[in-house]
Amino acid sequence: MAKSKDNELRISYDKFADVLYMSFGKPRVGVDEEIEDGVYLRVDERTNKPLGFTIIDFEKRFSTSIEKAIPINLSEVLS
């Protein structure tokens, strides 16, 4: 089995809760900041680097346009 890379995007979806989880590399403990209603950015408390995202009501959001579904400008968040 290949070793996981720290910059690998991991995605998991909880259909029952309708929540999408995304992490950059292995999921790690961090501090969640709500950047939009129901959209959370997890950051490393020491370095302030992004660790991942959590999106609440994920399936419901995709019944609308992609801009409204995920109102995140990744270039701003990840810079």
N, C-alpha and C. Protein backbone atom coordinates (compact mmCIF):
# COMPACT_ATOMS: atom_id res chain seq x y z
N MET A 1 0.85 -1.18 0.00
CA MET A 1 0.00 0.00 0.00
C MET A 1 0.89 1.24 0.00
N ALA A 2 0.52 2.22 -0.81
CA ALA A 2 1.30 3.46 -0.90
C ALA A 2 1.14 4.30 0.35
N LYS A 3 2.20 4.97 0.70
CA LYS A 3 2.17 5.86 1.86
C LYS A 3 1.41 7.14 1.51
N SER A 4 0.58 7.62 2.43
CA SER A 4 -0.21 8.83 2.21
C SER A 4 0.69 10.06 2.20
N LYS A 5 0.37 10.99 1.32
CA LYS A 5 1.12 12.25 1.24
C LYS A 5 0.41 13.32 2.05
N ASP A 6 1.19 14.25 2.61
CA ASP A 6 0.62 15.32 3.44
C ASP A 6 -0.26 16.28 2.65
N ASN A 7 -0.03 16.41 1.35
CA ASN A 7 -0.81 17.36 0.56
C ASN A 7 -1.94 16.68 -0.21
N GLU A 8 -2.17 15.41 0.03
CA GLU A 8 -3.23 14.66 -0.63
C GLU A 8 -4.60 15.12 -0.12
N LEU A 9 -5.53 15.36 -1.03
CA LEU A 9 -6.88 15.76 -0.64
C LEU A 9 -7.69 14.52 -0.30
N ARG A 10 -8.22 14.48 0.89
CA ARG A 10 -9.09 13.37 1.32
C ARG A 10 -10.50 13.91 1.50
N ILE A 11 -11.46 13.16 0.98
CA ILE A 11 -12.86 13.59 1.05
C ILE A 11 -13.70 12.46 1.60
N SER A 12 -14.58 12.78 2.54
CA SER A 12 -15.55 11.80 3.03
C SER A 12 -16.89 12.50 3.19
N TYR A 13 -17.94 11.72 3.00
CA TYR A 13 -19.29 12.28 3.04
C TYR A 13 -20.15 11.44 3.97
N ASP A 14 -20.83 12.10 4.91
CA ASP A 14 -21.78 11.46 5.81
C ASP A 14 -23.17 11.75 5.26
N LYS A 15 -23.74 10.78 4.54
CA LYS A 15 -25.04 10.98 3.89
C LYS A 15 -26.15 11.23 4.91
N PHE A 16 -26.12 10.51 6.03
CA PHE A 16 -27.16 10.67 7.05
C PHE A 16 -27.18 12.09 7.58
N ALA A 17 -26.00 12.66 7.87
CA ALA A 17 -25.91 14.02 8.40
C ALA A 17 -25.83 15.07 7.31
N ASP A 18 -25.61 14.63 6.04
CA ASP A 18 -25.44 15.52 4.89
C ASP A 18 -24.30 16.51 5.12
N VAL A 19 -23.13 15.93 5.48
CA VAL A 19 -21.95 16.73 5.77
C VAL A 19 -20.78 16.18 4.95
N LEU A 20 -20.07 17.08 4.26
CA LEU A 20 -18.88 16.73 3.51
C LEU A 20 -17.66 17.18 4.29
N TYR A 21 -16.70 16.27 4.43
CA TYR A 21 -15.45 16.57 5.11
C TYR A 21 -14.32 16.48 4.10
N MET A 22 -13.46 17.49 4.07
CA MET A 22 -12.28 17.48 3.20
C MET A 22 -11.07 17.81 4.07
N SER A 23 -10.00 17.06 3.85
CA SER A 23 -8.77 17.38 4.58
C SER A 23 -7.60 17.31 3.63
N PHE A 24 -6.60 18.10 3.91
CA PHE A 24 -5.37 18.11 3.15
C PHE A 24 -4.41 17.17 3.86
N GLY A 25 -4.21 15.98 3.31
CA GLY A 25 -3.42 14.95 3.98
C GLY A 25 -4.25 14.26 5.04
N LYS A 26 -3.58 13.60 5.97
CA LYS A 26 -4.25 12.89 7.05
C LYS A 26 -5.05 13.88 7.90
N PRO A 27 -6.32 13.57 8.22
CA PRO A 27 -7.10 14.49 9.08
C PRO A 27 -6.38 14.74 10.40
N ARG A 28 -6.32 16.01 10.77
CA ARG A 28 -5.63 16.42 12.00
C ARG A 28 -6.52 17.34 12.82
N VAL A 29 -6.23 17.42 14.08
CA VAL A 29 -6.96 18.31 14.99
C VAL A 29 -6.58 19.75 14.66
N GLY A 30 -7.58 20.61 14.64
CA GLY A 30 -7.34 22.02 14.39
C GLY A 30 -8.49 22.84 14.94
N VAL A 31 -8.49 24.09 14.61
CA VAL A 31 -9.54 25.02 15.03
C VAL A 31 -10.41 25.32 13.82
N ASP A 32 -11.73 25.18 13.99
CA ASP A 32 -12.66 25.46 12.91
C ASP A 32 -13.12 26.90 12.95
N GLU A 33 -13.07 27.54 11.77
CA GLU A 33 -13.56 28.91 11.62
C GLU A 33 -14.68 28.89 10.59
N GLU A 34 -15.85 29.42 10.95
CA GLU A 34 -16.96 29.48 9.98
C GLU A 34 -16.67 30.62 9.01
N ILE A 35 -16.46 30.28 7.73
CA ILE A 35 -16.14 31.30 6.73
C ILE A 35 -17.35 31.70 5.92
N GLU A 36 -18.36 30.90 5.93
CA GLU A 36 -19.67 31.17 5.33
C GLU A 36 -20.66 30.37 6.15
N ASP A 37 -21.93 30.68 6.05
CA ASP A 37 -22.95 29.94 6.78
C ASP A 37 -22.85 28.45 6.46
N GLY A 38 -22.48 27.64 7.45
CA GLY A 38 -22.38 26.20 7.28
C GLY A 38 -21.13 25.71 6.58
N VAL A 39 -20.16 26.58 6.34
CA VAL A 39 -18.89 26.20 5.71
C VAL A 39 -17.77 26.56 6.68
N TYR A 40 -17.02 25.53 7.09
CA TYR A 40 -15.99 25.71 8.09
C TYR A 40 -14.62 25.39 7.52
N LEU A 41 -13.66 26.23 7.83
CA LEU A 41 -12.27 26.01 7.48
C LEU A 41 -11.54 25.57 8.74
N ARG A 42 -10.85 24.43 8.67
CA ARG A 42 -10.07 23.96 9.81
C ARG A 42 -8.62 24.38 9.59
N VAL A 43 -8.05 25.04 10.59
CA VAL A 43 -6.68 25.52 10.49
C VAL A 43 -5.85 24.99 11.66
N ASP A 44 -4.55 24.87 11.43
CA ASP A 44 -3.62 24.48 12.48
C ASP A 44 -3.48 25.68 13.41
N GLU A 45 -3.72 25.46 14.67
CA GLU A 45 -3.71 26.55 15.65
C GLU A 45 -2.34 27.21 15.78
N ARG A 46 -1.27 26.44 15.58
CA ARG A 46 0.08 26.99 15.73
C ARG A 46 0.55 27.73 14.48
N THR A 47 0.30 27.15 13.30
CA THR A 47 0.84 27.72 12.06
C THR A 47 -0.18 28.53 11.27
N ASN A 48 -1.46 28.37 11.60
CA ASN A 48 -2.56 29.02 10.90
C ASN A 48 -2.70 28.53 9.45
N LYS A 49 -2.09 27.37 9.13
CA LYS A 49 -2.23 26.77 7.80
C LYS A 49 -3.52 25.98 7.72
N PRO A 50 -4.20 26.01 6.55
CA PRO A 50 -5.44 25.27 6.41
C PRO A 50 -5.21 23.76 6.45
N LEU A 51 -6.09 23.07 7.16
CA LEU A 51 -6.03 21.61 7.27
C LEU A 51 -7.18 20.95 6.51
N GLY A 52 -8.28 21.69 6.31
CA GLY A 52 -9.43 21.11 5.61
C GLY A 52 -10.66 21.97 5.72
N PHE A 53 -11.76 21.42 5.18
CA PHE A 53 -13.05 22.09 5.19
C PHE A 53 -14.13 21.13 5.66
N THR A 54 -15.19 21.67 6.21
CA THR A 54 -16.41 20.92 6.51
C THR A 54 -17.56 21.72 5.92
N ILE A 55 -18.44 21.04 5.18
CA ILE A 55 -19.58 21.72 4.57
C ILE A 55 -20.86 21.04 5.04
N ILE A 56 -21.67 21.80 5.77
CA ILE A 56 -22.94 21.32 6.30
C ILE A 56 -24.01 21.45 5.21
N ASP A 57 -24.99 20.54 5.20
CA ASP A 57 -26.08 20.54 4.21
C ASP A 57 -25.52 20.47 2.79
N PHE A 58 -24.53 19.60 2.59
CA PHE A 58 -23.83 19.52 1.31
C PHE A 58 -24.75 19.20 0.14
N GLU A 59 -25.55 18.14 0.25
CA GLU A 59 -26.43 17.75 -0.86
C GLU A 59 -27.46 18.84 -1.15
N LYS A 60 -28.01 19.43 -0.12
CA LYS A 60 -28.98 20.51 -0.27
C LYS A 60 -28.36 21.70 -1.02
N ARG A 61 -27.12 22.00 -0.72
CA ARG A 61 -26.44 23.12 -1.38
C ARG A 61 -26.30 22.90 -2.88
N PHE A 62 -26.15 21.64 -3.32
CA PHE A 62 -25.93 21.38 -4.73
C PHE A 62 -27.21 21.33 -5.55
N SER A 63 -28.32 21.71 -4.95
CA SER A 63 -29.55 21.89 -5.72
C SER A 63 -29.59 23.32 -6.27
N THR A 64 -28.53 24.07 -6.03
CA THR A 64 -28.39 25.45 -6.48
C THR A 64 -27.10 25.57 -7.30
N SER A 65 -26.74 26.75 -7.70
CA SER A 65 -25.52 26.95 -8.50
C SER A 65 -24.28 26.64 -7.66
N ILE A 66 -23.19 26.28 -8.32
CA ILE A 66 -21.95 25.94 -7.63
C ILE A 66 -21.41 27.11 -6.81
N GLU A 67 -21.59 28.33 -7.28
CA GLU A 67 -21.12 29.51 -6.54
C GLU A 67 -21.84 29.65 -5.21
N LYS A 68 -23.13 29.31 -5.18
CA LYS A 68 -23.89 29.38 -3.93
C LYS A 68 -23.66 28.14 -3.09
N ALA A 69 -23.41 27.00 -3.75
CA ALA A 69 -23.22 25.74 -3.03
C ALA A 69 -21.95 25.77 -2.19
N ILE A 70 -20.86 26.23 -2.78
CA ILE A 70 -19.58 26.32 -2.05
C ILE A 70 -19.02 27.71 -2.27
N PRO A 71 -19.44 28.65 -1.44
CA PRO A 71 -18.99 30.04 -1.62
C PRO A 71 -17.59 30.28 -1.06
N ILE A 72 -16.61 29.56 -1.60
CA ILE A 72 -15.24 29.65 -1.10
C ILE A 72 -14.32 30.04 -2.26
N ASN A 73 -13.51 31.04 -2.06
CA ASN A 73 -12.48 31.37 -3.03
C ASN A 73 -11.20 30.71 -2.51
N LEU A 74 -10.89 29.51 -3.04
CA LEU A 74 -9.76 28.75 -2.53
C LEU A 74 -8.45 29.48 -2.64
N SER A 75 -8.27 30.28 -3.68
CA SER A 75 -7.01 31.00 -3.81
C SER A 75 -6.80 31.98 -2.66
N GLU A 76 -7.87 32.55 -2.13
CA GLU A 76 -7.76 33.45 -0.99
C GLU A 76 -7.52 32.67 0.31
N VAL A 77 -8.25 31.58 0.47
CA VAL A 77 -8.16 30.81 1.71
C VAL A 77 -6.83 30.10 1.86
N LEU A 78 -6.31 29.56 0.76
CA LEU A 78 -5.10 28.76 0.82
C LEU A 78 -3.81 29.55 0.63
N SER A 79 -3.91 30.85 0.42
CA SER A 79 -2.69 31.62 0.20
C SER A 79 -2.02 31.99 1.50
